[in-house]
PDB file of all heavy atoms in Angstrom:
ATOM      1  N   PHE A   1     -32.494 -43.315 -26.804  1.00  0.00           N
ATOM      2  CA  PHE A   1     -33.276 -44.327 -26.226  1.00  0.00           C
ATOM      3  C   PHE A   1     -33.147 -45.626 -26.836  1.00  0.00           C
ATOM      4  O   PHE A   1     -32.405 -45.875 -27.858  1.00  0.00           O
ATOM      5  CB  PHE A   1     -34.806 -43.890 -26.398  1.00  0.00           C
ATOM      6  CG  PHE A   1     -35.307 -42.680 -25.714  1.00  0.00           C
ATOM      7  CD1 PHE A   1     -34.767 -41.478 -26.306  1.00  0.00           C
ATOM      8  CD2 PHE A   1     -35.876 -42.554 -24.566  1.00  0.00           C
ATOM      9  CE1 PHE A   1     -35.170 -40.148 -25.763  1.00  0.00           C
ATOM     10  CE2 PHE A   1     -36.175 -41.373 -23.936  1.00  0.00           C
ATOM     11  CZ  PHE A   1     -35.828 -40.139 -24.558  1.00  0.00           C
ATOM     12  N   ARG A   2     -33.574 -46.705 -26.132  1.00  0.00           N
ATOM     13  CA  ARG A   2     -33.524 -48.134 -26.597  1.00  0.00           C
ATOM     14  C   ARG A   2     -34.729 -48.799 -26.228  1.00  0.00           C
ATOM     15  O   ARG A   2     -35.482 -48.530 -25.237  1.00  0.00           O
ATOM     16  CB  ARG A   2     -32.232 -48.724 -25.951  1.00  0.00           C
ATOM     17  CG  ARG A   2     -32.194 -49.024 -24.556  1.00  0.00           C
ATOM     18  CD  ARG A   2     -30.785 -49.580 -24.120  1.00  0.00           C
ATOM     19  NE  ARG A   2     -30.786 -49.881 -22.616  1.00  0.00           N
ATOM     20  CZ  ARG A   2     -29.812 -50.193 -21.937  1.00  0.00           C
ATOM     21  NH1 ARG A   2     -28.559 -50.338 -22.629  1.00  0.00           N
ATOM     22  NH2 ARG A   2     -29.867 -50.419 -20.652  1.00  0.00           N
ATOM     23  N   GLN A   3     -34.944 -49.880 -26.944  1.00  0.00           N
ATOM     24  CA  GLN A   3     -36.063 -50.699 -26.785  1.00  0.00           C
ATOM     25  C   GLN A   3     -35.689 -52.109 -27.028  1.00  0.00           C
ATOM     26  O   GLN A   3     -35.281 -52.398 -28.205  1.00  0.00           O
ATOM     27  CB  GLN A   3     -37.338 -50.345 -27.621  1.00  0.00           C
ATOM     28  CG  GLN A   3     -38.560 -51.080 -27.223  1.00  0.00           C
ATOM     29  CD  GLN A   3     -39.758 -50.415 -27.871  1.00  0.00           C
ATOM     30  OE1 GLN A   3     -39.695 -49.634 -28.816  1.00  0.00           O
ATOM     31  NE2 GLN A   3     -40.802 -50.783 -27.379  1.00  0.00           N
ATOM     32  N   ALA A   4     -35.775 -52.870 -26.022  1.00  0.00           N
ATOM     33  CA  ALA A   4     -35.450 -54.411 -26.085  1.00  0.00           C
ATOM     34  C   ALA A   4     -36.695 -55.122 -26.387  1.00  0.00           C
ATOM     35  O   ALA A   4     -37.887 -54.649 -26.195  1.00  0.00           O
ATOM     36  CB  ALA A   4     -34.818 -54.896 -24.780  1.00  0.00           C
ATOM     37  N   PRO A   5     -36.688 -56.328 -26.947  1.00  0.00           N
ATOM     38  CA  PRO A   5     -37.836 -57.088 -27.278  1.00  0.00           C
ATOM     39  C   PRO A   5     -38.760 -57.323 -26.194  1.00  0.00           C
ATOM     40  O   PRO A   5     -38.339 -57.654 -24.944  1.00  0.00           O
ATOM     41  CB  PRO A   5     -37.224 -58.313 -27.817  1.00  0.00           C
ATOM     42  CG  PRO A   5     -35.926 -57.998 -28.239  1.00  0.00           C
ATOM     43  CD  PRO A   5     -35.369 -56.930 -27.280  1.00  0.00           C
ATOM     44  N   GLY A   6     -40.027 -56.905 -26.283  1.00  0.00           N
ATOM     45  CA  GLY A   6     -40.969 -57.199 -25.208  1.00  0.00           C
ATOM     46  C   GLY A   6     -40.934 -56.104 -24.034  1.00  0.00           C
ATOM     47  O   GLY A   6     -41.610 -56.351 -23.137  1.00  0.00           O
ATOM     48  N   LYS A   7     -40.155 -55.127 -24.272  1.00  0.00           N
ATOM     49  CA  LYS A   7     -40.019 -54.151 -23.371  1.00  0.00           C
ATOM     50  C   LYS A   7     -40.348 -52.757 -23.735  1.00  0.00           C
ATOM     51  O   LYS A   7     -40.365 -52.539 -24.929  1.00  0.00           O
ATOM     52  CB  LYS A   7     -38.553 -54.113 -22.680  1.00  0.00           C
ATOM     53  CG  LYS A   7     -38.239 -55.384 -21.941  1.00  0.00           C
ATOM     54  CD  LYS A   7     -36.841 -55.189 -21.295  1.00  0.00           C
ATOM     55  CE  LYS A   7     -36.535 -56.452 -20.539  1.00  0.00           C
ATOM     56  NZ  LYS A   7     -35.270 -56.316 -19.725  1.00  0.00           N
ATOM     57  N   GLN A   8     -40.624 -51.703 -22.854  1.00  0.00           N
ATOM     58  CA  GLN A   8     -40.945 -50.409 -23.203  1.00  0.00           C
ATOM     59  C   GLN A   8     -39.611 -49.726 -23.666  1.00  0.00           C
ATOM     60  O   GLN A   8     -38.565 -50.143 -23.274  1.00  0.00           O
ATOM     61  CB  GLN A   8     -41.544 -49.703 -22.085  1.00  0.00           C
ATOM     62  CG  GLN A   8     -43.014 -50.185 -21.884  1.00  0.00           C
ATOM     63  CD  GLN A   8     -43.835 -49.316 -20.945  1.00  0.00           C
ATOM     64  OE1 GLN A   8     -43.218 -48.700 -20.038  1.00  0.00           O
ATOM     65  NE2 GLN A   8     -45.065 -49.258 -20.977  1.00  0.00           N
ATOM     66  N   ARG A   9     -39.790 -48.725 -24.480  1.00  0.00           N
ATOM     67  CA  ARG A   9     -38.561 -47.906 -24.751  1.00  0.00           C
ATOM     68  C   ARG A   9     -38.128 -47.172 -23.475  1.00  0.00           C
ATOM     69  O   ARG A   9     -38.856 -46.740 -22.714  1.00  0.00           O
ATOM     70  CB  ARG A   9     -39.050 -46.870 -25.827  1.00  0.00           C
ATOM     71  CG  ARG A   9     -37.892 -46.081 -26.436  1.00  0.00           C
ATOM     72  CD  ARG A   9     -38.370 -45.288 -27.645  1.00  0.00           C
ATOM     73  NE  ARG A   9     -38.818 -46.030 -28.623  1.00  0.00           N
ATOM     74  CZ  ARG A   9     -39.117 -45.576 -29.900  1.00  0.00           C
ATOM     75  NH1 ARG A   9     -39.048 -44.393 -30.156  1.00  0.00           N
ATOM     76  NH2 ARG A   9     -39.655 -46.379 -30.838  1.00  0.00           N
ATOM     77  N   GLU A  10     -36.782 -47.111 -23.381  1.00  0.00           N
ATOM     78  CA  GLU A  10     -36.290 -46.530 -22.124  1.00  0.00           C
ATOM     79  C   GLU A  10     -35.076 -45.583 -22.519  1.00  0.00           C
ATOM     80  O   GLU A  10     -34.477 -45.678 -23.565  1.00  0.00           O
ATOM     81  CB  GLU A  10     -35.710 -47.532 -21.358  1.00  0.00           C
ATOM     82  CG  GLU A  10     -34.500 -48.396 -21.809  1.00  0.00           C
ATOM     83  CD  GLU A  10     -33.785 -49.315 -20.718  1.00  0.00           C
ATOM     84  OE1 GLU A  10     -34.083 -49.148 -19.473  1.00  0.00           O
ATOM     85  OE2 GLU A  10     -32.876 -49.960 -21.082  1.00  0.00           O
ATOM     86  N   PHE A  11     -35.067 -44.609 -21.561  1.00  0.00           N
ATOM     87  CA  PHE A  11     -34.136 -43.622 -21.724  1.00  0.00           C
ATOM     88  C   PHE A  11     -32.568 -44.076 -21.649  1.00  0.00           C
ATOM     89  O   PHE A  11     -32.382 -44.877 -20.730  1.00  0.00           O
ATOM     90  CB  PHE A  11     -34.341 -42.441 -20.830  1.00  0.00           C
ATOM     91  CG  PHE A  11     -33.262 -41.375 -20.681  1.00  0.00           C
ATOM     92  CD1 PHE A  11     -33.200 -40.443 -21.781  1.00  0.00           C
ATOM     93  CD2 PHE A  11     -32.383 -41.323 -19.577  1.00  0.00           C
ATOM     94  CE1 PHE A  11     -32.176 -39.471 -21.674  1.00  0.00           C
ATOM     95  CE2 PHE A  11     -31.427 -40.379 -19.544  1.00  0.00           C
ATOM     96  CZ  PHE A  11     -31.245 -39.442 -20.429  1.00  0.00           C
ATOM     97  N   VAL A  12     -31.739 -43.708 -22.341  1.00  0.00           N
ATOM     98  CA  VAL A  12     -30.440 -44.146 -22.328  1.00  0.00           C
ATOM     99  C   VAL A  12     -29.494 -42.860 -21.892  1.00  0.00           C
ATOM    100  O   VAL A  12     -28.713 -42.857 -20.891  1.00  0.00           O
ATOM    101  CB  VAL A  12     -29.762 -44.596 -23.627  1.00  0.00           C
ATOM    102  CG1 VAL A  12     -28.290 -44.873 -23.485  1.00  0.00           C
ATOM    103  CG2 VAL A  12     -30.424 -45.924 -24.066  1.00  0.00           C
ATOM    104  N   GLY A  13     -29.555 -41.812 -22.618  1.00  0.00           N
ATOM    105  CA  GLY A  13     -28.746 -40.502 -22.338  1.00  0.00           C
ATOM    106  C   GLY A  13     -29.220 -39.392 -23.233  1.00  0.00           C
ATOM    107  O   GLY A  13     -29.933 -39.577 -24.213  1.00  0.00           O
ATOM    108  N   ALA A  14     -28.768 -38.220 -22.820  1.00  0.00           N
ATOM    109  CA  ALA A  14     -29.259 -37.026 -23.492  1.00  0.00           C
ATOM    110  C   ALA A  14     -28.041 -35.963 -23.310  1.00  0.00           C
ATOM    111  O   ALA A  14     -27.272 -35.974 -22.476  1.00  0.00           O
ATOM    112  CB  ALA A  14     -30.488 -36.443 -22.907  1.00  0.00           C
ATOM    113  N   MET A  15     -28.041 -35.038 -24.481  1.00  0.00           N
ATOM    114  CA  MET A  15     -27.161 -33.959 -24.337  1.00  0.00           C
ATOM    115  C   MET A  15     -27.836 -32.710 -24.766  1.00  0.00           C
ATOM    116  O   MET A  15     -28.731 -32.622 -25.518  1.00  0.00           O
ATOM    117  CB  MET A  15     -26.033 -34.297 -25.410  1.00  0.00           C
ATOM    118  CG  MET A  15     -25.113 -33.126 -25.551  1.00  0.00           C
ATOM    119  SD  MET A  15     -23.651 -33.639 -26.602  1.00  0.00           S
ATOM    120  CE  MET A  15     -22.558 -34.367 -25.437  1.00  0.00           C
ATOM    121  N   SER A  16     -27.533 -31.621 -24.047  1.00  0.00           N
ATOM    122  CA  SER A  16     -28.051 -30.310 -24.279  1.00  0.00           C
ATOM    123  C   SER A  16     -27.669 -29.789 -25.714  1.00  0.00           C
ATOM    124  O   SER A  16     -26.653 -30.273 -26.214  1.00  0.00           O
ATOM    125  CB  SER A  16     -27.708 -29.288 -23.163  1.00  0.00           C
ATOM    126  OG  SER A  16     -26.342 -29.089 -23.213  1.00  0.00           O
ATOM    127  N   ARG A  17     -28.406 -28.894 -26.158  1.00  0.00           N
ATOM    128  CA  ARG A  17     -27.987 -28.368 -27.519  1.00  0.00           C
ATOM    129  C   ARG A  17     -26.646 -27.683 -27.475  1.00  0.00           C
ATOM    130  O   ARG A  17     -26.106 -27.588 -28.570  1.00  0.00           O
ATOM    131  CB  ARG A  17     -29.142 -27.424 -28.142  1.00  0.00           C
ATOM    132  CG  ARG A  17     -29.303 -26.128 -27.471  1.00  0.00           C
ATOM    133  CD  ARG A  17     -30.372 -25.330 -28.386  1.00  0.00           C
ATOM    134  NE  ARG A  17     -30.416 -23.911 -27.874  1.00  0.00           N
ATOM    135  CZ  ARG A  17     -31.402 -23.480 -27.248  1.00  0.00           C
ATOM    136  NH1 ARG A  17     -32.423 -24.345 -26.928  1.00  0.00           N
ATOM    137  NH2 ARG A  17     -31.555 -22.242 -26.781  1.00  0.00           N
ATOM    138  N   SER A  18     -26.373 -27.111 -26.319  1.00  0.00           N
ATOM    139  CA  SER A  18     -25.077 -26.492 -26.223  1.00  0.00           C
ATOM    140  C   SER A  18     -23.943 -27.509 -26.201  1.00  0.00           C
ATOM    141  O   SER A  18     -22.746 -27.191 -26.389  1.00  0.00           O
ATOM    142  CB  SER A  18     -24.982 -25.658 -24.948  1.00  0.00           C
ATOM    143  OG  SER A  18     -25.082 -26.563 -23.737  1.00  0.00           O
ATOM    144  N   GLY A  19     -24.273 -28.803 -25.976  1.00  0.00           N
ATOM    145  CA  GLY A  19     -23.339 -29.798 -25.781  1.00  0.00           C
ATOM    146  C   GLY A  19     -22.577 -29.972 -24.484  1.00  0.00           C
ATOM    147  O   GLY A  19     -21.777 -30.872 -24.233  1.00  0.00           O
ATOM    148  N   GLY A  20     -22.868 -28.903 -23.627  1.00  0.00           N
ATOM    149  CA  GLY A  20     -22.234 -28.785 -22.472  1.00  0.00           C
ATOM    150  C   GLY A  20     -22.733 -29.713 -21.287  1.00  0.00           C
ATOM    151  O   GLY A  20     -22.083 -29.876 -20.258  1.00  0.00           O
ATOM    152  N   ILE A  21     -23.834 -30.204 -21.509  1.00  0.00           N
ATOM    153  CA  ILE A  21     -24.525 -30.955 -20.337  1.00  0.00           C
ATOM    154  C   ILE A  21     -24.927 -32.423 -21.022  1.00  0.00           C
ATOM    155  O   ILE A  21     -25.567 -32.352 -21.967  1.00  0.00           O
ATOM    156  CB  ILE A  21     -25.716 -30.277 -19.857  1.00  0.00           C
ATOM    157  CG1 ILE A  21     -25.139 -28.949 -19.170  1.00  0.00           C
ATOM    158  CG2 ILE A  21     -26.362 -31.151 -18.791  1.00  0.00           C
ATOM    159  CD1 ILE A  21     -26.360 -28.100 -18.549  1.00  0.00           C
ATOM    160  N   THR A  22     -24.536 -33.350 -20.202  1.00  0.00           N
ATOM    161  CA  THR A  22     -25.009 -34.710 -20.577  1.00  0.00           C
ATOM    162  C   THR A  22     -25.658 -35.367 -19.373  1.00  0.00           C
ATOM    163  O   THR A  22     -25.377 -34.995 -18.176  1.00  0.00           O
ATOM    164  CB  THR A  22     -23.927 -35.622 -21.027  1.00  0.00           C
ATOM    165  OG1 THR A  22     -22.762 -35.611 -20.192  1.00  0.00           O
ATOM    166  CG2 THR A  22     -23.324 -35.168 -22.349  1.00  0.00           C
ATOM    167  N   TYR A  23     -26.548 -36.194 -19.554  1.00  0.00           N
ATOM    168  CA  TYR A  23     -27.234 -36.923 -18.508  1.00  0.00           C
ATOM    169  C   TYR A  23     -27.497 -38.450 -18.959  1.00  0.00           C
ATOM    170  O   TYR A  23     -27.928 -38.566 -20.090  1.00  0.00           O
ATOM    171  CB  TYR A  23     -28.590 -36.262 -18.199  1.00  0.00           C
ATOM    172  CG  TYR A  23     -29.524 -36.892 -17.158  1.00  0.00           C
ATOM    173  CD1 TYR A  23     -29.081 -36.839 -15.757  1.00  0.00           C
ATOM    174  CD2 TYR A  23     -30.703 -37.559 -17.673  1.00  0.00           C
ATOM    175  CE1 TYR A  23     -29.829 -37.463 -14.978  1.00  0.00           C
ATOM    176  CE2 TYR A  23     -31.354 -38.103 -16.533  1.00  0.00           C
ATOM    177  CZ  TYR A  23     -31.027 -38.036 -15.421  1.00  0.00           C
ATOM    178  OH  TYR A  23     -31.747 -38.650 -14.354  1.00  0.00           O
ATOM    179  N   TYR A  24     -27.260 -39.370 -18.114  1.00  0.00           N
ATOM    180  CA  TYR A  24     -27.291 -40.630 -18.384  1.00  0.00           C
ATOM    181  C   TYR A  24     -28.199 -41.621 -17.438  1.00  0.00           C
ATOM    182  O   TYR A  24     -28.290 -41.218 -16.296  1.00  0.00           O
ATOM    183  CB  TYR A  24     -25.889 -41.316 -18.542  1.00  0.00           C
ATOM    184  CG  TYR A  24     -25.055 -40.763 -19.463  1.00  0.00           C
ATOM    185  CD1 TYR A  24     -24.066 -39.733 -19.049  1.00  0.00           C
ATOM    186  CD2 TYR A  24     -25.031 -41.047 -20.787  1.00  0.00           C
ATOM    187  CE1 TYR A  24     -23.223 -39.088 -19.948  1.00  0.00           C
ATOM    188  CE2 TYR A  24     -24.094 -40.623 -21.599  1.00  0.00           C
ATOM    189  CZ  TYR A  24     -23.220 -39.501 -21.186  1.00  0.00           C
ATOM    190  OH  TYR A  24     -22.392 -38.987 -22.097  1.00  0.00           O
ATOM    191  N   ALA A  25     -28.885 -42.534 -18.061  1.00  0.00           N
ATOM    192  CA  ALA A  25     -29.501 -43.512 -17.215  1.00  0.00           C
ATOM    193  C   ALA A  25     -28.567 -44.306 -16.356  1.00  0.00           C
ATOM    194  O   ALA A  25     -27.377 -44.367 -16.698  1.00  0.00           O
ATOM    195  CB  ALA A  25     -30.336 -44.530 -17.985  1.00  0.00           C
ATOM    196  N   ASP A  26     -28.905 -44.556 -15.084  1.00  0.00           N
ATOM    197  CA  ASP A  26     -28.020 -45.250 -14.261  1.00  0.00           C
ATOM    198  C   ASP A  26     -27.490 -46.508 -14.653  1.00  0.00           C
ATOM    199  O   ASP A  26     -26.275 -46.817 -14.504  1.00  0.00           O
ATOM    200  CB  ASP A  26     -28.728 -45.538 -12.845  1.00  0.00           C
ATOM    201  CG  ASP A  26     -29.014 -44.275 -12.023  1.00  0.00           C
ATOM    202  OD1 ASP A  26     -28.282 -43.301 -12.249  1.00  0.00           O
ATOM    203  OD2 ASP A  26     -29.889 -44.346 -11.174  1.00  0.00           O
ATOM    204  N   SER A  27     -28.285 -47.075 -15.612  1.00  0.00           N
ATOM    205  CA  SER A  27     -27.800 -48.419 -16.128  1.00  0.00           C
ATOM    206  C   SER A  27     -26.631 -48.459 -17.172  1.00  0.00           C
ATOM    207  O   SER A  27     -26.116 -49.266 -17.288  1.00  0.00           O
ATOM    208  CB  SER A  27     -29.045 -49.091 -16.786  1.00  0.00           C
ATOM    209  OG  SER A  27     -29.538 -48.376 -17.878  1.00  0.00           O
ATOM    210  N   VAL A  28     -26.384 -47.127 -17.608  1.00  0.00           N
ATOM    211  CA  VAL A  28     -25.350 -47.005 -18.628  1.00  0.00           C
ATOM    212  C   VAL A  28     -24.219 -46.005 -18.127  1.00  0.00           C
ATOM    213  O   VAL A  28     -23.256 -45.899 -18.843  1.00  0.00           O
ATOM    214  CB  VAL A  28     -25.791 -46.548 -19.904  1.00  0.00           C
ATOM    215  CG1 VAL A  28     -26.951 -47.487 -20.366  1.00  0.00           C
ATOM    216  CG2 VAL A  28     -26.373 -45.188 -20.025  1.00  0.00           C
ATOM    217  N   LYS A  29     -24.495 -45.447 -17.064  1.00  0.00           N
ATOM    218  CA  LYS A  29     -23.568 -44.351 -16.496  1.00  0.00           C
ATOM    219  C   LYS A  29     -22.125 -45.045 -16.309  1.00  0.00           C
ATOM    220  O   LYS A  29     -22.025 -46.131 -15.796  1.00  0.00           O
ATOM    221  CB  LYS A  29     -24.134 -43.679 -15.231  1.00  0.00           C
ATOM    222  CG  LYS A  29     -23.600 -42.477 -14.904  1.00  0.00           C
ATOM    223  CD  LYS A  29     -24.256 -41.850 -13.712  1.00  0.00           C
ATOM    224  CE  LYS A  29     -25.700 -41.467 -14.065  1.00  0.00           C
ATOM    225  NZ  LYS A  29     -26.333 -41.007 -12.774  1.00  0.00           N
ATOM    226  N   GLY A  30     -21.155 -44.252 -16.923  1.00  0.00           N
ATOM    227  CA  GLY A  30     -19.863 -44.654 -16.765  1.00  0.00           C
ATOM    228  C   GLY A  30     -19.386 -45.648 -17.759  1.00  0.00           C
ATOM    229  O   GLY A  30     -18.256 -45.960 -17.942  1.00  0.00           O
ATOM    230  N   ARG A  31     -20.350 -46.138 -18.581  1.00  0.00           N
ATOM    231  CA  ARG A  31     -20.084 -47.077 -19.737  1.00  0.00           C
ATOM    232  C   ARG A  31     -20.388 -46.312 -21.071  1.00  0.00           C
ATOM    233  O   ARG A  31     -19.716 -46.740 -22.090  1.00  0.00           O
ATOM    234  CB  ARG A  31     -20.815 -48.236 -19.665  1.00  0.00           C
ATOM    235  CG  ARG A  31     -20.662 -49.010 -18.278  1.00  0.00           C
ATOM    236  CD  ARG A  31     -21.207 -50.553 -18.320  1.00  0.00           C
ATOM    237  NE  ARG A  31     -22.671 -50.405 -18.500  1.00  0.00           N
ATOM    238  CZ  ARG A  31     -23.487 -50.931 -19.463  1.00  0.00           C
ATOM    239  NH1 ARG A  31     -22.821 -51.587 -20.472  1.00  0.00           N
ATOM    240  NH2 ARG A  31     -24.721 -50.730 -19.402  1.00  0.00           N
ATOM    241  N   PHE A  32     -21.305 -45.554 -21.157  1.00  0.00           N
ATOM    242  CA  PHE A  32     -21.790 -44.952 -22.467  1.00  0.00           C
ATOM    243  C   PHE A  32     -21.459 -43.330 -22.356  1.00  0.00           C
ATOM    244  O   PHE A  32     -21.532 -42.752 -21.335  1.00  0.00           O
ATOM    245  CB  PHE A  32     -23.221 -45.175 -22.638  1.00  0.00           C
ATOM    246  CG  PHE A  32     -23.771 -46.450 -22.878  1.00  0.00           C
ATOM    247  CD1 PHE A  32     -22.926 -47.557 -22.773  1.00  0.00           C
ATOM    248  CD2 PHE A  32     -25.070 -46.649 -23.375  1.00  0.00           C
ATOM    249  CE1 PHE A  32     -23.300 -48.933 -22.901  1.00  0.00           C
ATOM    250  CE2 PHE A  32     -25.563 -47.858 -23.685  1.00  0.00           C
ATOM    251  CZ  PHE A  32     -24.666 -49.016 -23.471  1.00  0.00           C
ATOM    252  N   THR A  33     -21.119 -42.830 -23.494  1.00  0.00           N
ATOM    253  CA  THR A  33     -20.730 -41.501 -23.624  1.00  0.00           C
ATOM    254  C   THR A  33     -21.536 -41.024 -24.981  1.00  0.00           C
ATOM    255  O   THR A  33     -21.280 -41.435 -25.910  1.00  0.00           O
ATOM    256  CB  THR A  33     -19.249 -41.365 -23.755  1.00  0.00           C
ATOM    257  OG1 THR A  33     -18.607 -41.895 -22.648  1.00  0.00           O
ATOM    258  CG2 THR A  33     -18.954 -39.803 -23.787  1.00  0.00           C
ATOM    259  N   ILE A  34     -22.206 -39.825 -24.722  1.00  0.00           N
ATOM    260  CA  ILE A  34     -22.664 -39.151 -25.827  1.00  0.00           C
ATOM    261  C   ILE A  34     -21.862 -37.890 -26.268  1.00  0.00           C
ATOM    262  O   ILE A  34     -21.312 -37.356 -25.411  1.00  0.00           O
ATOM    263  CB  ILE A  34     -24.058 -38.577 -25.481  1.00  0.00           C
ATOM    264  CG1 ILE A  34     -25.102 -39.727 -25.182  1.00  0.00           C
ATOM    265  CG2 ILE A  34     -24.754 -37.693 -26.566  1.00  0.00           C
ATOM    266  CD1 ILE A  34     -26.466 -39.344 -24.625  1.00  0.00           C
ATOM    267  N   SER A  35     -21.706 -37.728 -27.600  1.00  0.00           N
ATOM    268  CA  SER A  35     -20.955 -36.583 -28.032  1.00  0.00           C
ATOM    269  C   SER A  35     -21.720 -36.145 -29.271  1.00  0.00           C
ATOM    270  O   SER A  35     -22.447 -36.784 -29.865  1.00  0.00           O
ATOM    271  CB  SER A  35     -19.454 -36.969 -28.346  1.00  0.00           C
ATOM    272  OG  SER A  35     -19.434 -37.965 -29.324  1.00  0.00           O
ATOM    273  N   ARG A  36     -21.412 -34.829 -29.544  1.00  0.00           N
ATOM    274  CA  ARG A  36     -22.205 -34.296 -30.753  1.00  0.00           C
ATOM    275  C   ARG A  36     -21.098 -33.397 -31.554  1.00  0.00           C
ATOM    276  O   ARG A  36     -20.211 -32.769 -30.854  1.00  0.00           O
ATOM    277  CB  ARG A  36     -23.401 -33.432 -30.478  1.00  0.00           C
ATOM    278  CG  ARG A  36     -23.166 -32.176 -29.647  1.00  0.00           C
ATOM    279  CD  ARG A  36     -24.480 -31.628 -29.221  1.00  0.00           C
ATOM    280  NE  ARG A  36     -25.251 -31.071 -30.380  1.00  0.00           N
ATOM    281  CZ  ARG A  36     -26.557 -30.757 -30.283  1.00  0.00           C
ATOM    282  NH1 ARG A  36     -27.228 -31.134 -29.124  1.00  0.00           N
ATOM    283  NH2 ARG A  36     -27.265 -30.505 -31.423  1.00  0.00           N
ATOM    284  N   ASP A  37     -21.267 -33.376 -32.814  1.00  0.00           N
ATOM    285  CA  ASP A  37     -20.502 -32.617 -33.700  1.00  0.00           C
ATOM    286  C   ASP A  37     -21.401 -31.698 -34.554  1.00  0.00           C
ATOM    287  O   ASP A  37     -21.917 -32.232 -35.626  1.00  0.00           O
ATOM    288  CB  ASP A  37     -19.650 -33.559 -34.570  1.00  0.00           C
ATOM    289  CG  ASP A  37     -18.634 -32.749 -35.483  1.00  0.00           C
ATOM    290  OD1 ASP A  37     -18.858 -31.543 -35.737  1.00  0.00           O
ATOM    291  OD2 ASP A  37     -17.604 -33.402 -35.926  1.00  0.00           O
ATOM    292  N   ASN A  38     -21.530 -30.535 -34.105  1.00  0.00           N
ATOM    293  CA  ASN A  38     -22.498 -29.542 -34.849  1.00  0.00           C
ATOM    294  C   ASN A  38     -22.016 -29.387 -36.245  1.00  0.00           C
ATOM    295  O   ASN A  38     -22.971 -29.115 -37.118  1.00  0.00           O
ATOM    296  CB  ASN A  38     -22.646 -28.309 -33.993  1.00  0.00           C
ATOM    297  CG  ASN A  38     -23.511 -28.502 -32.782  1.00  0.00           C
ATOM    298  OD1 ASN A  38     -24.284 -29.465 -32.608  1.00  0.00           O
ATOM    299  ND2 ASN A  38     -23.421 -27.590 -31.891  1.00  0.00           N
ATOM    300  N   ALA A  39     -20.755 -29.258 -36.561  1.00  0.00           N
ATOM    301  CA  ALA A  39     -20.292 -29.075 -37.891  1.00  0.00           C
ATOM    302  C   ALA A  39     -20.712 -30.189 -38.837  1.00  0.00           C
ATOM    303  O   ALA A  39     -20.872 -30.002 -39.966  1.00  0.00           O
ATOM    304  CB  ALA A  39     -18.852 -28.910 -37.890  1.00  0.00           C
ATOM    305  N   LYS A  40     -20.851 -31.436 -38.250  1.00  0.00           N
ATOM    306  CA  LYS A  40     -21.178 -32.564 -39.067  1.00  0.00           C
ATOM    307  C   LYS A  40     -22.574 -33.012 -38.922  1.00  0.00           C
ATOM    308  O   LYS A  40     -23.057 -33.927 -39.534  1.00  0.00           O
ATOM    309  CB  LYS A  40     -20.216 -33.834 -38.878  1.00  0.00           C
ATOM    310  CG  LYS A  40     -18.872 -33.476 -39.113  1.00  0.00           C
ATOM    311  CD  LYS A  40     -17.962 -34.676 -38.758  1.00  0.00           C
ATOM    312  CE  LYS A  40     -16.524 -34.458 -39.143  1.00  0.00           C
ATOM    313  NZ  LYS A  40     -15.668 -35.647 -38.948  1.00  0.00           N
TER     314      LYS A  40
END
């Protein structure tokens, strides 16, 4: 999530615990990528 000055916190993106599914806000789709490393 992110919060800009004077604005409410907004969703950026999420990933399932399996790591197989990601979902992004339209404002960042195609520009931002979430990844997870369960070993680390």
